[in-house]
PDB file of all heavy atoms in Angstrom:
ATOM      1  N   VAL A   1       0.829  -1.202   0.000  1.00  0.00           N
ATOM      2  CA  VAL A   1       0.000   0.000   0.000  1.00  0.00           C
ATOM      3  C   VAL A   1       0.862   1.250   0.000  1.00  0.00           C
ATOM      4  O   VAL A   1       0.570   2.220  -0.707  1.00  0.00           O
ATOM      5  CB  VAL A   1      -0.942  -0.008   1.227  1.00  0.00           C
ATOM      6  CG1 VAL A   1      -1.691   1.289   1.354  1.00  0.00           C
ATOM      7  CG2 VAL A   1      -1.901  -1.167   1.143  1.00  0.00           C
ATOM      8  N   ILE A   2       1.936   1.235   0.756  1.00  0.00           N
ATOM      9  CA  ILE A   2       2.797   2.417   0.830  1.00  0.00           C
ATOM     10  C   ILE A   2       3.438   2.703  -0.523  1.00  0.00           C
ATOM     11  O   ILE A   2       3.501   3.850  -0.948  1.00  0.00           O
ATOM     12  CB  ILE A   2       3.876   2.222   1.906  1.00  0.00           C
ATOM     13  CG1 ILE A   2       3.199   1.990   3.229  1.00  0.00           C
ATOM     14  CG2 ILE A   2       4.859   3.360   1.905  1.00  0.00           C
ATOM     15  CD1 ILE A   2       3.589   2.811   4.374  1.00  0.00           C
ATOM     16  N   TRP A   3       3.920   1.657  -1.195  1.00  0.00           N
ATOM     17  CA  TRP A   3       4.544   1.876  -2.502  1.00  0.00           C
ATOM     18  C   TRP A   3       3.531   2.361  -3.533  1.00  0.00           C
ATOM     19  O   TRP A   3       3.842   3.188  -4.385  1.00  0.00           O
ATOM     20  CB  TRP A   3       5.244   0.606  -2.991  1.00  0.00           C
ATOM     21  CG  TRP A   3       6.541   0.396  -2.286  1.00  0.00           C
ATOM     22  CD1 TRP A   3       6.827  -0.556  -1.365  1.00  0.00           C
ATOM     23  CD2 TRP A   3       7.730   1.187  -2.426  1.00  0.00           C
ATOM     24  NE1 TRP A   3       8.121  -0.417  -0.918  1.00  0.00           N
ATOM     25  CE2 TRP A   3       8.695   0.650  -1.563  1.00  0.00           C
ATOM     26  CE3 TRP A   3       8.056   2.294  -3.186  1.00  0.00           C
ATOM     27  CZ2 TRP A   3       9.978   1.180  -1.448  1.00  0.00           C
ATOM     28  CZ3 TRP A   3       9.332   2.822  -3.077  1.00  0.00           C
ATOM     29  CH2 TRP A   3      10.271   2.270  -2.218  1.00  0.00           C
ATOM     30  N   ARG A   4       2.312   1.823  -3.476  1.00  0.00           N
ATOM     31  CA  ARG A   4       1.280   2.307  -4.406  1.00  0.00           C
ATOM     32  C   ARG A   4       0.928   3.759  -4.112  1.00  0.00           C
ATOM     33  O   ARG A   4       0.717   4.553  -5.028  1.00  0.00           O
ATOM     34  CB  ARG A   4       0.042   1.418  -4.323  1.00  0.00           C
ATOM     35  CG  ARG A   4       0.242   0.080  -4.997  1.00  0.00           C
ATOM     36  CD  ARG A   4      -1.061  -0.648  -5.163  1.00  0.00           C
ATOM     37  NE  ARG A   4      -1.799  -0.775  -3.921  1.00  0.00           N
ATOM     38  CZ  ARG A   4      -2.150  -1.919  -3.366  1.00  0.00           C
ATOM     39  NH1 ARG A   4      -1.848  -3.053  -3.951  1.00  0.00           N
ATOM     40  NH2 ARG A   4      -2.817  -1.941  -2.247  1.00  0.00           N
ATOM     41  N   ALA A   5       0.853   4.119  -2.839  1.00  0.00           N
ATOM     42  CA  ALA A   5       0.566   5.511  -2.475  1.00  0.00           C
ATOM     43  C   ALA A   5       1.688   6.425  -2.946  1.00  0.00           C
ATOM     44  O   ALA A   5       1.435   7.513  -3.475  1.00  0.00           O
ATOM     45  CB  ALA A   5       0.373   5.632  -0.962  1.00  0.00           C
ATOM     46  N   LEU A   6       2.920   5.984  -2.784  1.00  0.00           N
ATOM     47  CA  LEU A   6       4.065   6.778  -3.223  1.00  0.00           C
ATOM     48  C   LEU A   6       4.063   6.944  -4.744  1.00  0.00           C
ATOM     49  O   LEU A   6       4.257   8.047  -5.259  1.00  0.00           O
ATOM     50  CB  LEU A   6       5.358   6.125  -2.749  1.00  0.00           C
ATOM     51  CG  LEU A   6       6.642   6.898  -3.012  1.00  0.00           C
ATOM     52  CD1 LEU A   6       6.628   8.219  -2.274  1.00  0.00           C
ATOM     53  CD2 LEU A   6       7.828   6.071  -2.571  1.00  0.00           C
ATOM     54  N   LEU A   7       3.817   5.862  -5.454  1.00  0.00           N
ATOM     55  CA  LEU A   7       3.770   5.929  -6.917  1.00  0.00           C
ATOM     56  C   LEU A   7       2.639   6.835  -7.397  1.00  0.00           C
ATOM     57  O   LEU A   7       2.822   7.656  -8.299  1.00  0.00           O
ATOM     58  CB  LEU A   7       3.608   4.517  -7.503  1.00  0.00           C
ATOM     59  CG  LEU A   7       3.570   4.413  -9.016  1.00  0.00           C
ATOM     60  CD1 LEU A   7       4.851   4.954  -9.637  1.00  0.00           C
ATOM     61  CD2 LEU A   7       3.348   2.972  -9.430  1.00  0.00           C
ATOM     62  N   SER A   8       1.489   6.721  -6.781  1.00  0.00           N
ATOM     63  CA  SER A   8       0.361   7.597  -7.131  1.00  0.00           C
ATOM     64  C   SER A   8       0.703   9.054  -6.873  1.00  0.00           C
ATOM     65  O   SER A   8       0.395   9.933  -7.684  1.00  0.00           O
ATOM     66  CB  SER A   8      -0.878   7.224  -6.312  1.00  0.00           C
ATOM     67  OG  SER A   8      -1.270   5.925  -6.566  1.00  0.00           O
ATOM     68  N   GLY A   9       1.315   9.313  -5.731  1.00  0.00           N
ATOM     69  CA  GLY A   9       1.695  10.683  -5.395  1.00  0.00           C
ATOM     70  C   GLY A   9       2.706  11.257  -6.365  1.00  0.00           C
ATOM     71  O   GLY A   9       2.593  12.408  -6.784  1.00  0.00           O
ATOM     72  N   VAL A  10       3.698  10.459  -6.733  1.00  0.00           N
ATOM     73  CA  VAL A  10       4.721  10.937  -7.671  1.00  0.00           C
ATOM     74  C   VAL A  10       4.096  11.261  -9.022  1.00  0.00           C
ATOM     75  O   VAL A  10       4.374  12.314  -9.615  1.00  0.00           O
ATOM     76  CB  VAL A  10       5.858   9.898  -7.806  1.00  0.00           C
ATOM     77  CG1 VAL A  10       6.754  10.222  -8.983  1.00  0.00           C
ATOM     78  CG2 VAL A  10       6.666   9.844  -6.521  1.00  0.00           C
ATOM     79  N   LEU A  11       3.233  10.371  -9.519  1.00  0.00           N
ATOM     80  CA  LEU A  11       2.578  10.634 -10.809  1.00  0.00           C
ATOM     81  C   LEU A  11       1.708  11.888 -10.737  1.00  0.00           C
ATOM     82  O   LEU A  11       1.713  12.716 -11.658  1.00  0.00           O
ATOM     83  CB  LEU A  11       1.752   9.424 -11.235  1.00  0.00           C
ATOM     84  CG  LEU A  11       2.540   8.182 -11.617  1.00  0.00           C
ATOM     85  CD1 LEU A  11       1.607   7.019 -11.909  1.00  0.00           C
ATOM     86  CD2 LEU A  11       3.436   8.458 -12.806  1.00  0.00           C
ATOM     87  N   ALA A  12       0.969  12.050  -9.644  1.00  0.00           N
ATOM     88  CA  ALA A  12       0.112  13.225  -9.493  1.00  0.00           C
ATOM     89  C   ALA A  12       0.944  14.508  -9.417  1.00  0.00           C
ATOM     90  O   ALA A  12       0.581  15.529 -10.017  1.00  0.00           O
ATOM     91  CB  ALA A  12      -0.756  13.088  -8.251  1.00  0.00           C
ATOM     92  N   GLU A  13       2.044  14.460  -8.704  1.00  0.00           N
ATOM     93  CA  GLU A  13       2.871  15.660  -8.575  1.00  0.00           C
ATOM     94  C   GLU A  13       3.572  15.999  -9.885  1.00  0.00           C
ATOM     95  O   GLU A  13       3.788  17.170 -10.188  1.00  0.00           O
ATOM     96  CB  GLU A  13       3.882  15.502  -7.442  1.00  0.00           C
ATOM     97  CG  GLU A  13       3.241  15.405  -6.069  1.00  0.00           C
ATOM     98  CD  GLU A  13       2.300  16.551  -5.740  1.00  0.00           C
ATOM     99  OE1 GLU A  13       2.497  17.680  -6.221  1.00  0.00           O
ATOM    100  OE2 GLU A  13       1.349  16.312  -4.978  1.00  0.00           O
ATOM    101  N   LEU A  14       3.922  15.006 -10.687  1.00  0.00           N
ATOM    102  CA  LEU A  14       4.499  15.296 -12.008  1.00  0.00           C
ATOM    103  C   LEU A  14       3.482  16.008 -12.899  1.00  0.00           C
ATOM    104  O   LEU A  14       3.841  16.928 -13.641  1.00  0.00           O
ATOM    105  CB  LEU A  14       5.010  14.016 -12.663  1.00  0.00           C
ATOM    106  CG  LEU A  14       6.265  13.425 -12.046  1.00  0.00           C
ATOM    107  CD1 LEU A  14       6.604  12.095 -12.712  1.00  0.00           C
ATOM    108  CD2 LEU A  14       7.427  14.387 -12.140  1.00  0.00           C
ATOM    109  N   VAL A  15       2.232  15.589 -12.809  1.00  0.00           N
ATOM    110  CA  VAL A  15       1.173  16.279 -13.554  1.00  0.00           C
ATOM    111  C   VAL A  15       1.030  17.712 -13.050  1.00  0.00           C
ATOM    112  O   VAL A  15       0.880  18.656 -13.839  1.00  0.00           O
ATOM    113  CB  VAL A  15      -0.163  15.512 -13.448  1.00  0.00           C
ATOM    114  CG1 VAL A  15      -1.319  16.322 -13.997  1.00  0.00           C
ATOM    115  CG2 VAL A  15      -0.057  14.183 -14.170  1.00  0.00           C
ATOM    116  N   MET A  16       1.109  17.901 -11.719  1.00  0.00           N
ATOM    117  CA  MET A  16       1.013  19.242 -11.146  1.00  0.00           C
ATOM    118  C   MET A  16       2.155  20.133 -11.633  1.00  0.00           C
ATOM    119  O   MET A  16       1.930  21.269 -12.054  1.00  0.00           O
ATOM    120  CB  MET A  16       1.050  19.176  -9.614  1.00  0.00           C
ATOM    121  CG  MET A  16       0.987  20.541  -8.947  1.00  0.00           C
ATOM    122  SD  MET A  16       1.660  20.575  -7.266  1.00  0.00           S
ATOM    123  CE  MET A  16       3.408  20.537  -7.575  1.00  0.00           C
ATOM    124  N   VAL A  17       3.376  19.604 -11.604  1.00  0.00           N
ATOM    125  CA  VAL A  17       4.539  20.386 -12.029  1.00  0.00           C
ATOM    126  C   VAL A  17       4.425  20.744 -13.512  1.00  0.00           C
ATOM    127  O   VAL A  17       4.708  21.881 -13.909  1.00  0.00           O
ATOM    128  CB  VAL A  17       5.849  19.635 -11.730  1.00  0.00           C
ATOM    129  CG1 VAL A  17       7.045  20.306 -12.381  1.00  0.00           C
ATOM    130  CG2 VAL A  17       6.061  19.544 -10.217  1.00  0.00           C
ATOM    131  N   ALA A  18       3.981  19.803 -14.328  1.00  0.00           N
ATOM    132  CA  ALA A  18       3.808  20.081 -15.758  1.00  0.00           C
ATOM    133  C   ALA A  18       2.739  21.153 -15.975  1.00  0.00           C
ATOM    134  O   ALA A  18       2.911  22.060 -16.806  1.00  0.00           O
ATOM    135  CB  ALA A  18       3.437  18.809 -16.502  1.00  0.00           C
ATOM    136  N   GLY A  19       1.658  21.077 -15.218  1.00  0.00           N
ATOM    137  CA  GLY A  19       0.608  22.089 -15.321  1.00  0.00           C
ATOM    138  C   GLY A  19       1.092  23.466 -14.905  1.00  0.00           C
ATOM    139  O   GLY A  19       0.810  24.471 -15.570  1.00  0.00           O
ATOM    140  N   TYR A  20       1.822  23.528 -13.781  1.00  0.00           N
ATOM    141  CA  TYR A  20       2.396  24.802 -13.351  1.00  0.00           C
ATOM    142  C   TYR A  20       3.345  25.355 -14.412  1.00  0.00           C
ATOM    143  O   TYR A  20       3.356  26.546 -14.680  1.00  0.00           O
ATOM    144  CB  TYR A  20       3.168  24.631 -12.045  1.00  0.00           C
ATOM    145  CG  TYR A  20       2.340  24.579 -10.786  1.00  0.00           C
ATOM    146  CD1 TYR A  20       0.955  24.641 -10.813  1.00  0.00           C
ATOM    147  CD2 TYR A  20       2.955  24.471  -9.549  1.00  0.00           C
ATOM    148  CE1 TYR A  20       0.219  24.588  -9.649  1.00  0.00           C
ATOM    149  CE2 TYR A  20       2.226  24.421  -8.380  1.00  0.00           C
ATOM    150  CZ  TYR A  20       0.856  24.481  -8.441  1.00  0.00           C
ATOM    151  OH  TYR A  20       0.137  24.436  -7.284  1.00  0.00           O
ATOM    152  N   PHE A  21       4.144  24.473 -15.004  1.00  0.00           N
ATOM    153  CA  PHE A  21       5.122  24.895 -16.007  1.00  0.00           C
ATOM    154  C   PHE A  21       4.435  25.524 -17.216  1.00  0.00           C
ATOM    155  O   PHE A  21       4.813  26.609 -17.660  1.00  0.00           O
ATOM    156  CB  PHE A  21       5.975  23.701 -16.425  1.00  0.00           C
ATOM    157  CG  PHE A  21       7.007  24.034 -17.468  1.00  0.00           C
ATOM    158  CD1 PHE A  21       8.110  24.806 -17.147  1.00  0.00           C
ATOM    159  CD2 PHE A  21       6.871  23.588 -18.765  1.00  0.00           C
ATOM    160  CE1 PHE A  21       9.068  25.118 -18.103  1.00  0.00           C
ATOM    161  CE2 PHE A  21       7.816  23.887 -19.731  1.00  0.00           C
ATOM    162  CZ  PHE A  21       8.916  24.673 -19.400  1.00  0.00           C
ATOM    163  N   VAL A  22       3.422  24.859 -17.733  1.00  0.00           N
ATOM    164  CA  VAL A  22       2.700  25.390 -18.902  1.00  0.00           C
ATOM    165  C   VAL A  22       2.036  26.721 -18.558  1.00  0.00           C
ATOM    166  O   VAL A  22       2.099  27.687 -19.329  1.00  0.00           O
ATOM    167  CB  VAL A  22       1.663  24.363 -19.411  1.00  0.00           C
ATOM    168  CG1 VAL A  22       0.742  24.973 -20.459  1.00  0.00           C
ATOM    169  CG2 VAL A  22       2.363  23.133 -19.963  1.00  0.00           C
ATOM    170  N   TYR A  23       1.410  26.788 -17.391  1.00  0.00           N
ATOM    171  CA  TYR A  23       0.762  28.029 -16.966  1.00  0.00           C
ATOM    172  C   TYR A  23       1.780  29.165 -16.836  1.00  0.00           C
ATOM    173  O   TYR A  23       1.530  30.289 -17.288  1.00  0.00           O
ATOM    174  CB  TYR A  23       0.047  27.790 -15.630  1.00  0.00           C
ATOM    175  CG  TYR A  23      -0.524  29.030 -15.016  1.00  0.00           C
ATOM    176  CD1 TYR A  23      -1.679  29.606 -15.521  1.00  0.00           C
ATOM    177  CD2 TYR A  23       0.092  29.634 -13.927  1.00  0.00           C
ATOM    178  CE1 TYR A  23      -2.214  30.758 -14.948  1.00  0.00           C
ATOM    179  CE2 TYR A  23      -0.430  30.772 -13.347  1.00  0.00           C
ATOM    180  CZ  TYR A  23      -1.580  31.339 -13.866  1.00  0.00           C
ATOM    181  OH  TYR A  23      -2.102  32.470 -13.300  1.00  0.00           O
ATOM    182  N   GLU A  24       2.919  28.872 -16.220  1.00  0.00           N
ATOM    183  CA  GLU A  24       3.925  29.913 -16.002  1.00  0.00           C
ATOM    184  C   GLU A  24       4.595  30.350 -17.298  1.00  0.00           C
ATOM    185  O   GLU A  24       5.073  31.482 -17.386  1.00  0.00           O
ATOM    186  CB  GLU A  24       4.963  29.427 -14.987  1.00  0.00           C
ATOM    187  CG  GLU A  24       4.392  29.347 -13.584  1.00  0.00           C
ATOM    188  CD  GLU A  24       5.322  28.685 -12.586  1.00  0.00           C
ATOM    189  OE1 GLU A  24       6.411  28.217 -12.990  1.00  0.00           O
ATOM    190  OE2 GLU A  24       4.953  28.627 -11.405  1.00  0.00           O
ATOM    191  N   ILE A  25       4.647  29.486 -18.303  1.00  0.00           N
ATOM    192  CA  ILE A  25       5.167  29.907 -19.611  1.00  0.00           C
ATOM    193  C   ILE A  25       4.323  31.047 -20.156  1.00  0.00           C
ATOM    194  O   ILE A  25       4.845  32.057 -20.636  1.00  0.00           O
ATOM    195  CB  ILE A  25       5.209  28.727 -20.605  1.00  0.00           C
ATOM    196  CG1 ILE A  25       6.369  27.806 -20.271  1.00  0.00           C
ATOM    197  CG2 ILE A  25       5.344  29.222 -22.040  1.00  0.00           C
ATOM    198  CD1 ILE A  25       6.421  26.555 -21.133  1.00  0.00           C
ATOM    199  N   PHE A  26       3.011  30.888 -20.081  1.00  0.00           N
ATOM    200  CA  PHE A  26       2.126  31.937 -20.585  1.00  0.00           C
ATOM    201  C   PHE A  26       2.159  33.186 -19.718  1.00  0.00           C
ATOM    202  O   PHE A  26       2.023  34.298 -20.202  1.00  0.00           O
ATOM    203  CB  PHE A  26       0.683  31.419 -20.690  1.00  0.00           C
ATOM    204  CG  PHE A  26       0.496  30.400 -21.770  1.00  0.00           C
ATOM    205  CD1 PHE A  26       0.145  29.104 -21.453  1.00  0.00           C
ATOM    206  CD2 PHE A  26       0.675  30.734 -23.104  1.00  0.00           C
ATOM    207  CE1 PHE A  26      -0.024  28.154 -22.443  1.00  0.00           C
ATOM    208  CE2 PHE A  26       0.510  29.802 -24.103  1.00  0.00           C
ATOM    209  CZ  PHE A  26       0.155  28.514 -23.782  1.00  0.00           C
ATOM    210  N   LEU A  27       2.348  33.001 -18.426  1.00  0.00           N
ATOM    211  CA  LEU A  27       2.302  34.139 -17.504  1.00  0.00           C
ATOM    212  C   LEU A  27       3.634  34.889 -17.423  1.00  0.00           C
ATOM    213  O   LEU A  27       3.647  36.122 -17.483  1.00  0.00           O
ATOM    214  CB  LEU A  27       1.907  33.633 -16.109  1.00  0.00           C
ATOM    215  CG  LEU A  27       1.421  34.657 -15.111  1.00  0.00           C
ATOM    216  CD1 LEU A  27       0.166  35.338 -15.623  1.00  0.00           C
ATOM    217  CD2 LEU A  27       1.121  33.982 -13.788  1.00  0.00           C
ATOM    218  N   TYR A  28       4.754  34.157 -17.330  1.00  0.00           N
ATOM    219  CA  TYR A  28       6.050  34.784 -17.089  1.00  0.00           C
ATOM    220  C   TYR A  28       7.071  34.581 -18.199  1.00  0.00           C
ATOM    221  O   TYR A  28       8.098  35.247 -18.212  1.00  0.00           O
ATOM    222  CB  TYR A  28       6.673  34.259 -15.786  1.00  0.00           C
ATOM    223  CG  TYR A  28       5.798  34.397 -14.584  1.00  0.00           C
ATOM    224  CD1 TYR A  28       5.394  33.273 -13.865  1.00  0.00           C
ATOM    225  CD2 TYR A  28       5.365  35.639 -14.140  1.00  0.00           C
ATOM    226  CE1 TYR A  28       4.594  33.387 -12.748  1.00  0.00           C
ATOM    227  CE2 TYR A  28       4.559  35.757 -13.024  1.00  0.00           C
ATOM    228  CZ  TYR A  28       4.178  34.628 -12.333  1.00  0.00           C
ATOM    229  OH  TYR A  28       3.385  34.738 -11.243  1.00  0.00           O
ATOM    230  N   GLY A  29       6.861  33.604 -19.059  1.00  0.00           N
ATOM    231  CA  GLY A  29       7.846  33.272 -20.085  1.00  0.00           C
ATOM    232  C   GLY A  29       8.550  31.966 -19.753  1.00  0.00           C
ATOM    233  O   GLY A  29       8.535  31.496 -18.614  1.00  0.00           O
TER     234      GLY A  29
END
């Protein structure tokens, strides 16, 4: 369960970082 939770969290955070990156490109360059 811990490894699945960790894997889920890592995948979710990578999506978050990618989303922030795309948003910040439009906002700041």
